[in-house]
PDB file of N, CA and C in Angstrom:
ATOM      1  N   UNK A   1     -31.151  14.340 -17.914  1.00  0.00           N
ATOM      2  CA  UNK A   1     -31.527  12.816 -17.633  1.00  0.00           C
ATOM      3  C   UNK A   1     -32.756  12.876 -16.705  1.00  0.00           C
ATOM      4  N   UNK A   2     -33.668  12.081 -17.378  1.00  0.00           N
ATOM      5  CA  UNK A   2     -35.109  11.696 -16.706  1.00  0.00           C
ATOM      6  C   UNK A   2     -34.681  10.987 -15.593  1.00  0.00           C
ATOM      7  N   UNK A   3     -35.572  11.237 -13.985  1.00  0.00           N
ATOM      8  CA  UNK A   3     -35.287  10.569 -12.908  1.00  0.00           C
ATOM      9  C   UNK A   3     -36.474   9.383 -12.874  1.00  0.00           C
ATOM     10  N   UNK A   4     -36.107   8.722 -13.320  1.00  0.00           N
ATOM     11  CA  UNK A   4     -37.334   7.273 -13.510  1.00  0.00           C
ATOM     12  C   UNK A   4     -36.809   5.955 -12.943  1.00  0.00           C
ATOM     13  N   UNK A   5     -37.521   4.985 -12.757  1.00  0.00           N
ATOM     14  CA  UNK A   5     -37.468   3.668 -12.574  1.00  0.00           C
ATOM     15  C   UNK A   5     -37.057   3.007 -14.006  1.00  0.00           C
ATOM     16  N   UNK A   6     -37.452   3.517 -15.189  1.00  0.00           N
ATOM     17  CA  UNK A   6     -36.763   3.195 -16.152  1.00  0.00           C
ATOM     18  C   UNK A   6     -35.394   3.291 -16.680  1.00  0.00           C
ATOM     19  N   UNK A   7     -34.781   4.717 -16.573  1.00  0.00           N
ATOM     20  CA  UNK A   7     -33.339   5.271 -16.202  1.00  0.00           C
ATOM     21  C   UNK A   7     -32.669   4.656 -15.344  1.00  0.00           C
ATOM     22  N   UNK A   8     -33.210   3.924 -14.263  1.00  0.00           N
ATOM     23  CA  UNK A   8     -32.410   3.241 -13.344  1.00  0.00           C
ATOM     24  C   UNK A   8     -32.133   1.943 -14.157  1.00  0.00           C
ATOM     25  N   UNK A   9     -32.904   1.704 -14.312  1.00  0.00           N
ATOM     26  CA  UNK A   9     -33.120   0.202 -15.110  1.00  0.00           C
ATOM     27  C   UNK A   9     -32.055   0.232 -16.213  1.00  0.00           C
ATOM     28  N   UNK A  10     -32.112   0.906 -16.983  1.00  0.00           N
ATOM     29  CA  UNK A  10     -31.146   1.040 -18.100  1.00  0.00           C
ATOM     30  C   UNK A  10     -29.647   1.307 -17.525  1.00  0.00           C
ATOM     31  N   UNK A  11     -29.333   2.107 -16.424  1.00  0.00           N
ATOM     32  CA  UNK A  11     -27.997   2.031 -16.175  1.00  0.00           C
ATOM     33  C   UNK A  11     -27.380   0.770 -15.204  1.00  0.00           C
ATOM     34  N   UNK A  12     -28.605   0.147 -14.882  1.00  0.00           N
ATOM     35  CA  UNK A  12     -28.381  -1.218 -14.084  1.00  0.00           C
ATOM     36  C   UNK A  12     -28.073  -2.277 -15.551  1.00  0.00           C
ATOM     37  N   UNK A  13     -28.447  -2.156 -16.430  1.00  0.00           N
ATOM     38  CA  UNK A  13     -28.264  -2.816 -17.766  1.00  0.00           C
ATOM     39  C   UNK A  13     -26.788  -2.675 -18.382  1.00  0.00           C
ATOM     40  N   UNK A  14     -26.632  -0.851 -18.175  1.00  0.00           N
ATOM     41  CA  UNK A  14     -25.010  -0.862 -18.632  1.00  0.00           C
ATOM     42  C   UNK A  14     -24.214  -1.724 -17.652  1.00  0.00           C
ATOM     43  N   UNK A  15     -24.287  -1.876 -16.414  1.00  0.00           N
ATOM     44  CA  UNK A  15     -23.336  -1.849 -15.895  1.00  0.00           C
ATOM     45  C   UNK A  15     -23.001  -3.530 -15.611  1.00  0.00           C
ATOM     46  N   UNK A  16     -24.508  -4.330 -16.198  1.00  0.00           N
ATOM     47  CA  UNK A  16     -24.698  -6.044 -16.419  1.00  0.00           C
ATOM     48  C   UNK A  16     -23.691  -6.074 -17.569  1.00  0.00           C
ATOM     49  N   UNK A  17     -24.012  -5.637 -18.439  1.00  0.00           N
ATOM     50  CA  UNK A  17     -23.043  -5.639 -19.891  1.00  0.00           C
ATOM     51  C   UNK A  17     -21.727  -5.284 -19.474  1.00  0.00           C
ATOM     52  N   UNK A  18     -21.477  -4.421 -18.770  1.00  0.00           N
ATOM     53  CA  UNK A  18     -19.853  -4.356 -18.469  1.00  0.00           C
ATOM     54  C   UNK A  18     -19.229  -5.242 -17.986  1.00  0.00           C
ATOM     55  N   UNK A  19     -20.276  -6.126 -17.214  1.00  0.00           N
ATOM     56  CA  UNK A  19     -19.689  -7.084 -16.589  1.00  0.00           C
ATOM     57  C   UNK A  19     -19.554  -6.923 -14.722  1.00  0.00           C
ATOM     58  N   UNK A  20     -20.014  -5.675 -14.262  1.00  0.00           N
ATOM     59  CA  UNK A  20     -20.453  -5.292 -12.856  1.00  0.00           C
ATOM     60  C   UNK A  20     -21.470  -5.862 -12.302  1.00  0.00           C
ATOM     61  N   UNK A  21     -21.616  -5.801 -10.946  1.00  0.00           N
ATOM     62  CA  UNK A  21     -22.745  -6.539 -10.506  1.00  0.00           C
ATOM     63  C   UNK A  21     -22.978  -5.179  -9.691  1.00  0.00           C
ATOM     64  N   UNK A  22     -24.358  -4.506  -9.261  1.00  0.00           N
ATOM     65  CA  UNK A  22     -24.608  -3.897  -9.205  1.00  0.00           C
ATOM     66  C   UNK A  22     -25.480  -4.335  -7.216  1.00  0.00           C
ATOM     67  N   UNK A  23     -24.709  -3.835  -6.559  1.00  0.00           N
ATOM     68  CA  UNK A  23     -25.861  -4.267  -4.853  1.00  0.00           C
ATOM     69  C   UNK A  23     -26.263  -3.157  -4.325  1.00  0.00           C
ATOM     70  N   UNK A  24     -27.174  -3.445  -3.835  1.00  0.00           N
ATOM     71  CA  UNK A  24     -27.766  -2.576  -3.205  1.00  0.00           C
ATOM     72  C   UNK A  24     -27.916  -2.715  -1.615  1.00  0.00           C
ATOM     73  N   UNK A  25     -26.748  -2.152  -0.793  1.00  0.00           N
ATOM     74  CA  UNK A  25     -26.745  -2.005   0.673  1.00  0.00           C
ATOM     75  C   UNK A  25     -27.429  -1.492   1.565  1.00  0.00           C
ATOM     76  N   UNK A  26     -27.509  -1.609   3.073  1.00  0.00           N
ATOM     77  CA  UNK A  26     -27.949  -0.504   3.658  1.00  0.00           C
ATOM     78  C   UNK A  26     -26.356  -0.205   4.533  1.00  0.00           C
ATOM     79  N   UNK A  27     -26.420   1.068   5.038  1.00  0.00           N
ATOM     80  CA  UNK A  27     -25.425   1.761   5.977  1.00  0.00           C
ATOM     81  C   UNK A  27     -25.015   3.311   5.154  1.00  0.00           C
ATOM     82  N   UNK A  28     -23.979   3.614   5.916  1.00  0.00           N
ATOM     83  CA  UNK A  28     -23.463   4.825   6.203  1.00  0.00           C
ATOM     84  C   UNK A  28     -22.412   5.391   5.073  1.00  0.00           C
ATOM     85  N   UNK A  29     -22.656   5.055   3.695  1.00  0.00           N
ATOM     86  CA  UNK A  29     -20.853   5.029   3.041  1.00  0.00           C
ATOM     87  C   UNK A  29     -21.763   5.788   1.682  1.00  0.00           C
ATOM     88  N   UNK A  30     -20.809   6.076   0.950  1.00  0.00           N
ATOM     89  CA  UNK A  30     -20.641   7.204  -0.198  1.00  0.00           C
ATOM     90  C   UNK A  30     -20.440   5.356  -1.144  1.00  0.00           C
ATOM     91  N   UNK A  31     -21.556   6.052  -2.221  1.00  0.00           N
ATOM     92  CA  UNK A  31     -21.247   4.867  -3.330  1.00  0.00           C
ATOM     93  C   UNK A  31     -20.419   4.453  -4.312  1.00  0.00           C
ATOM     94  N   UNK A  32     -19.905   3.626  -4.588  1.00  0.00           N
ATOM     95  CA  UNK A  32     -18.738   3.178  -5.415  1.00  0.00           C
ATOM     96  C   UNK A  32     -18.110   1.985  -6.282  1.00  0.00           C
ATOM     97  N   UNK A  33     -17.542   1.821  -6.701  1.00  0.00           N
ATOM     98  CA  UNK A  33     -17.100   0.408  -7.304  1.00  0.00           C
ATOM     99  C   UNK A  33     -16.039   0.263  -7.010  1.00  0.00           C
ATOM    100  N   UNK A  34     -15.388  -1.369  -7.023  1.00  0.00           N
ATOM    101  CA  UNK A  34     -14.367  -1.919  -6.739  1.00  0.00           C
ATOM    102  C   UNK A  34     -14.045  -3.415  -7.107  1.00  0.00           C
ATOM    103  N   UNK A  35     -13.002  -4.331  -7.170  1.00  0.00           N
ATOM    104  CA  UNK A  35     -13.024  -5.239  -7.336  1.00  0.00           C
ATOM    105  C   UNK A  35     -12.906  -6.263  -6.115  1.00  0.00           C
ATOM    106  N   UNK A  36     -13.583  -7.090  -5.723  1.00  0.00           N
ATOM    107  CA  UNK A  36     -13.443  -8.137  -4.725  1.00  0.00           C
ATOM    108  C   UNK A  36     -13.203  -9.554  -5.624  1.00  0.00           C
ATOM    109  N   UNK A  37     -11.734 -10.143  -5.139  1.00  0.00           N
ATOM    110  CA  UNK A  37     -11.583 -11.384  -5.768  1.00  0.00           C
ATOM    111  C   UNK A  37     -11.988 -11.149  -7.182  1.00  0.00           C
ATOM    112  N   UNK A  38     -11.490 -10.601  -8.186  1.00  0.00           N
ATOM    113  CA  UNK A  38     -11.965 -10.444  -9.661  1.00  0.00           C
ATOM    114  C   UNK A  38     -13.197 -10.363  -9.683  1.00  0.00           C
ATOM    115  N   UNK A  39     -13.969  -9.962  -8.911  1.00  0.00           N
ATOM    116  CA  UNK A  39     -15.514  -9.681  -9.501  1.00  0.00           C
ATOM    117  C   UNK A  39     -15.929  -8.140  -9.121  1.00  0.00           C
ATOM    118  N   UNK A  40     -16.162  -7.696 -10.530  1.00  0.00           N
ATOM    119  CA  UNK A  40     -16.526  -6.192 -10.427  1.00  0.00           C
ATOM    120  C   UNK A  40     -18.012  -6.086  -9.721  1.00  0.00           C
ATOM    121  N   UNK A  41     -17.751  -4.991  -8.592  1.00  0.00           N
ATOM    122  CA  UNK A  41     -18.956  -4.910  -8.025  1.00  0.00           C
ATOM    123  C   UNK A  41     -19.102  -3.399  -7.508  1.00  0.00           C
ATOM    124  N   UNK A  42     -20.492  -2.843  -7.736  1.00  0.00           N
ATOM    125  CA  UNK A  42     -21.236  -1.259  -7.428  1.00  0.00           C
ATOM    126  C   UNK A  42     -21.817  -1.532  -6.170  1.00  0.00           C
ATOM    127  N   UNK A  43     -21.812  -0.833  -5.225  1.00  0.00           N
ATOM    128  CA  UNK A  43     -22.306  -0.660  -3.932  1.00  0.00           C
ATOM    129  C   UNK A  43     -22.903   0.615  -3.959  1.00  0.00           C
ATOM    130  N   UNK A  44     -24.394   0.384  -3.663  1.00  0.00           N
ATOM    131  CA  UNK A  44     -25.364   1.938  -3.961  1.00  0.00           C
ATOM    132  C   UNK A  44     -26.119   1.219  -2.217  1.00  0.00           C
ATOM    133  N   UNK A  45     -26.391   2.972  -1.542  1.00  0.00           N
ATOM    134  CA  UNK A  45     -27.108   2.677  -0.281  1.00  0.00           C
ATOM    135  C   UNK A  45     -28.658   2.516  -1.015  1.00  0.00           C
ATOM    136  N   UNK A  46     -29.344   1.393  -0.541  1.00  0.00           N
ATOM    137  CA  UNK A  46     -30.535   1.004  -0.686  1.00  0.00           C
ATOM    138  C   UNK A  46     -31.344   2.081  -0.329  1.00  0.00           C
ATOM    139  N   UNK A  47     -31.267   2.747   0.681  1.00  0.00           N
ATOM    140  CA  UNK A  47     -32.543   3.743   1.317  1.00  0.00           C
ATOM    141  C   UNK A  47     -31.690   5.026   0.748  1.00  0.00           C
ATOM    142  N   UNK A  48     -30.898   5.325  -0.545  1.00  0.00           N
ATOM    143  CA  UNK A  48     -31.335   6.432  -1.074  1.00  0.00           C
ATOM    144  C   UNK A  48     -31.939   6.530  -2.112  1.00  0.00           C
ATOM    145  N   UNK A  49     -32.359   7.760  -2.028  1.00  0.00           N
ATOM    146  CA  UNK A  49     -33.398   7.905  -3.357  1.00  0.00           C
ATOM    147  C   UNK A  49     -32.856   7.789  -4.538  1.00  0.00           C
ATOM    148  N   UNK A  50     -34.543   7.512  -5.427  1.00  0.00           N
ATOM    149  CA  UNK A  50     -34.019   7.481  -7.061  1.00  0.00           C
ATOM    150  C   UNK A  50     -33.125   8.232  -7.441  1.00  0.00           C
ATOM    151  N   UNK A  51     -33.132   9.697  -7.179  1.00  0.00           N
ATOM    152  CA  UNK A  51     -32.441  10.517  -7.867  1.00  0.00           C
ATOM    153  C   UNK A  51     -30.858  10.425  -7.264  1.00  0.00           C
ATOM    154  N   UNK A  52     -30.830  10.179  -6.142  1.00  0.00           N
ATOM    155  CA  UNK A  52     -29.495  10.123  -5.547  1.00  0.00           C
ATOM    156  C   UNK A  52     -29.071   8.687  -6.241  1.00  0.00           C
ATOM    157  N   UNK A  53     -29.582   7.515  -6.587  1.00  0.00           N
ATOM    158  CA  UNK A  53     -28.909   5.937  -7.119  1.00  0.00           C
ATOM    159  C   UNK A  53     -28.489   6.716  -8.272  1.00  0.00           C
ATOM    160  N   UNK A  54     -29.391   7.197  -9.209  1.00  0.00           N
ATOM    161  CA  UNK A  54     -28.897   7.340 -10.668  1.00  0.00           C
ATOM    162  C   UNK A  54     -27.921   8.334 -10.833  1.00  0.00           C
ATOM    163  N   UNK A  55     -27.959   9.406  -9.808  1.00  0.00           N
ATOM    164  CA  UNK A  55     -26.522  10.027 -10.021  1.00  0.00           C
ATOM    165  C   UNK A  55     -24.955   9.774  -9.454  1.00  0.00           C
ATOM    166  N   UNK A  56     -25.635   8.711  -8.185  1.00  0.00           N
ATOM    167  CA  UNK A  56     -24.403   8.033  -7.689  1.00  0.00           C
ATOM    168  C   UNK A  56     -23.792   6.729  -9.037  1.00  0.00           C
ATOM    169  N   UNK A  57     -24.835   6.051  -9.684  1.00  0.00           N
ATOM    170  CA  UNK A  57     -24.215   5.368 -10.751  1.00  0.00           C
ATOM    171  C   UNK A  57     -23.378   5.880 -11.980  1.00  0.00           C
ATOM    172  N   UNK A  58     -24.202   6.975 -12.339  1.00  0.00           N
ATOM    173  CA  UNK A  58     -23.730   7.600 -13.497  1.00  0.00           C
ATOM    174  C   UNK A  58     -22.517   8.369 -13.529  1.00  0.00           C
ATOM    175  N   UNK A  59     -22.128   8.907 -11.870  1.00  0.00           N
ATOM    176  CA  UNK A  59     -20.933   9.339 -11.665  1.00  0.00           C
ATOM    177  C   UNK A  59     -19.523   8.125 -11.634  1.00  0.00           C
ATOM    178  N   UNK A  60     -20.252   7.077 -11.293  1.00  0.00           N
ATOM    179  CA  UNK A  60     -19.475   6.021 -11.377  1.00  0.00           C
ATOM    180  C   UNK A  60     -19.179   5.781 -12.602  1.00  0.00           C
ATOM    181  N   UNK A  61     -20.043   5.481 -13.723  1.00  0.00           N
ATOM    182  CA  UNK A  61     -20.026   4.998 -15.120  1.00  0.00           C
ATOM    183  C   UNK A  61     -18.681   6.157 -15.800  1.00  0.00           C
ATOM    184  N   UNK A  62     -18.611   7.375 -15.265  1.00  0.00           N
ATOM    185  CA  UNK A  62     -17.928   8.358 -15.864  1.00  0.00           C
ATOM    186  C   UNK A  62     -16.289   7.994 -15.169  1.00  0.00           C
ATOM    187  N   UNK A  63     -16.375   7.122 -14.110  1.00  0.00           N
ATOM    188  CA  UNK A  63     -14.713   7.357 -13.398  1.00  0.00           C
ATOM    189  C   UNK A  63     -14.557   5.792 -13.720  1.00  0.00           C
ATOM    190  N   UNK A  64     -15.240   5.082 -14.494  1.00  0.00           N
ATOM    191  CA  UNK A  64     -14.422   3.405 -14.268  1.00  0.00           C
ATOM    192  C   UNK A  64     -14.434   3.230 -16.334  1.00  0.00           C
ATOM    193  N   UNK A  65     -13.170   2.461 -15.914  1.00  0.00           N
ATOM    194  CA  UNK A  65     -12.765   2.083 -17.319  1.00  0.00           C
ATOM    195  C   UNK A  65     -13.759   1.103 -18.229  1.00  0.00           C
ATOM    196  N   UNK A  66     -14.131   1.694 -19.314  1.00  0.00           N
ATOM    197  CA  UNK A  66     -15.132   1.020 -19.968  1.00  0.00           C
ATOM    198  C   UNK A  66     -14.722   0.525 -21.499  1.00  0.00           C
ATOM    199  N   UNK A  67     -15.442  -0.837 -21.699  1.00  0.00           N
ATOM    200  CA  UNK A  67     -14.972  -1.302 -22.625  1.00  0.00           C
ATOM    201  C   UNK A  67     -16.096  -1.460 -23.488  1.00  0.00           C
ATOM    202  N   UNK A  68     -16.525   0.031 -24.599  1.00  0.00           N
ATOM    203  CA  UNK A  68     -17.564  -0.247 -25.297  1.00  0.00           C
ATOM    204  C   UNK A  68     -17.728  -1.367 -26.055  1.00  0.00           C
ATOM    205  N   UNK A  69     -16.890  -2.285 -26.486  1.00  0.00           N
ATOM    206  CA  UNK A  69     -17.130  -3.318 -27.212  1.00  0.00           C
ATOM    207  C   UNK A  69     -18.424  -4.567 -26.667  1.00  0.00           C
ATOM    208  N   UNK A  70     -18.407  -4.265 -25.613  1.00  0.00           N
ATOM    209  CA  UNK A  70     -19.331  -5.197 -24.481  1.00  0.00           C
ATOM    210  C   UNK A  70     -20.887  -4.309 -24.784  1.00  0.00           C
ATOM    211  N   UNK A  71     -20.796  -3.588 -25.236  1.00  0.00           N
ATOM    212  CA  UNK A  71     -22.397  -2.615 -25.161  1.00  0.00           C
ATOM    213  C   UNK A  71     -22.642  -2.346 -26.524  1.00  0.00           C
ATOM    214  N   UNK A  72     -24.000  -2.860 -26.932  1.00  0.00           N
ATOM    215  CA  UNK A  72     -25.156  -2.741 -28.095  1.00  0.00           C
ATOM    216  C   UNK A  72     -24.978  -1.397 -28.275  1.00  0.00           C
ATOM    217  N   UNK A  73     -25.561  -0.919 -29.815  1.00  0.00           N
ATOM    218  CA  UNK A  73     -26.079   0.331 -30.016  1.00  0.00           C
ATOM    219  C   UNK A  73     -26.487   1.439 -29.030  1.00  0.00           C
ATOM    220  N   UNK A  74     -27.372   0.842 -28.611  1.00  0.00           N
ATOM    221  CA  UNK A  74     -28.743   1.569 -27.896  1.00  0.00           C
ATOM    222  C   UNK A  74     -28.060   1.920 -26.163  1.00  0.00           C
ATOM    223  N   UNK A  75     -26.884   0.834 -26.146  1.00  0.00           N
ATOM    224  CA  UNK A  75     -26.476   1.105 -24.586  1.00  0.00           C
ATOM    225  C   UNK A  75     -25.248   2.368 -25.125  1.00  0.00           C
ATOM    226  N   UNK A  76     -24.689   2.086 -25.908  1.00  0.00           N
ATOM    227  CA  UNK A  76     -23.816   2.946 -26.161  1.00  0.00           C
ATOM    228  C   UNK A  76     -24.175   4.731 -26.459  1.00  0.00           C
ATOM    229  N   UNK A  77     -25.607   4.997 -27.052  1.00  0.00           N
ATOM    230  CA  UNK A  77     -26.082   6.117 -27.403  1.00  0.00           C
ATOM    231  C   UNK A  77     -26.524   6.421 -25.695  1.00  0.00           C
ATOM    232  N   UNK A  78     -27.081   5.737 -25.006  1.00  0.00           N
ATOM    233  CA  UNK A  78     -27.795   6.146 -23.628  1.00  0.00           C
ATOM    234  C   UNK A  78     -26.393   6.457 -22.746  1.00  0.00           C
ATOM    235  N   UNK A  79     -25.089   5.611 -22.594  1.00  0.00           N
ATOM    236  CA  UNK A  79     -24.128   6.022 -22.221  1.00  0.00           C
ATOM    237  C   UNK A  79     -23.493   7.273 -22.497  1.00  0.00           C
ATOM    238  N   UNK A  80     -23.541   7.724 -23.749  1.00  0.00           N
ATOM    239  CA  UNK A  80     -23.228   9.066 -24.374  1.00  0.00           C
ATOM    240  C   UNK A  80     -23.772  10.017 -23.797  1.00  0.00           C
ATOM    241  N   UNK A  81     -25.386   9.639 -23.454  1.00  0.00           N
ATOM    242  CA  UNK A  81     -26.259  10.577 -23.087  1.00  0.00           C
ATOM    243  C   UNK A  81     -25.978  10.832 -21.423  1.00  0.00           C
ATOM    244  N   UNK A  82     -25.332  10.005 -20.914  1.00  0.00           N
ATOM    245  CA  UNK A  82     -24.863   9.796 -19.592  1.00  0.00           C
ATOM    246  C   UNK A  82     -23.726  10.899 -19.161  1.00  0.00           C
ATOM    247  N   UNK A  83     -22.916  10.408 -20.091  1.00  0.00           N
ATOM    248  CA  UNK A  83     -21.212  11.579 -20.173  1.00  0.00           C
ATOM    249  C   UNK A  83     -21.660  13.168 -20.299  1.00  0.00           C
ATOM    250  N   UNK A  84     -22.747  13.138 -20.921  1.00  0.00           N
ATOM    251  CA  UNK A  84     -22.809  14.786 -21.381  1.00  0.00           C
ATOM    252  C   UNK A  84     -23.836  15.549 -20.800  1.00  0.00           C
TER     253      UNK A  84
END
């Protein structure tokens, strides 16, 4: 997977389509996803490098339950490329 702003944008769009909100916060923590009052939230360190952000978000995509009916054909292809 190419490390670029475009790739990061595509991953963020996947989360948006899956009804997750991606938040970039400062702090010393591991990236992750959680439910806060029924809202699906992914938190990533805003000071992490782009490759770390992409790797963290890709890893979260592999860990969460995904309703593929929420994704269009291009998003499904991109998701498959992340899973491989």
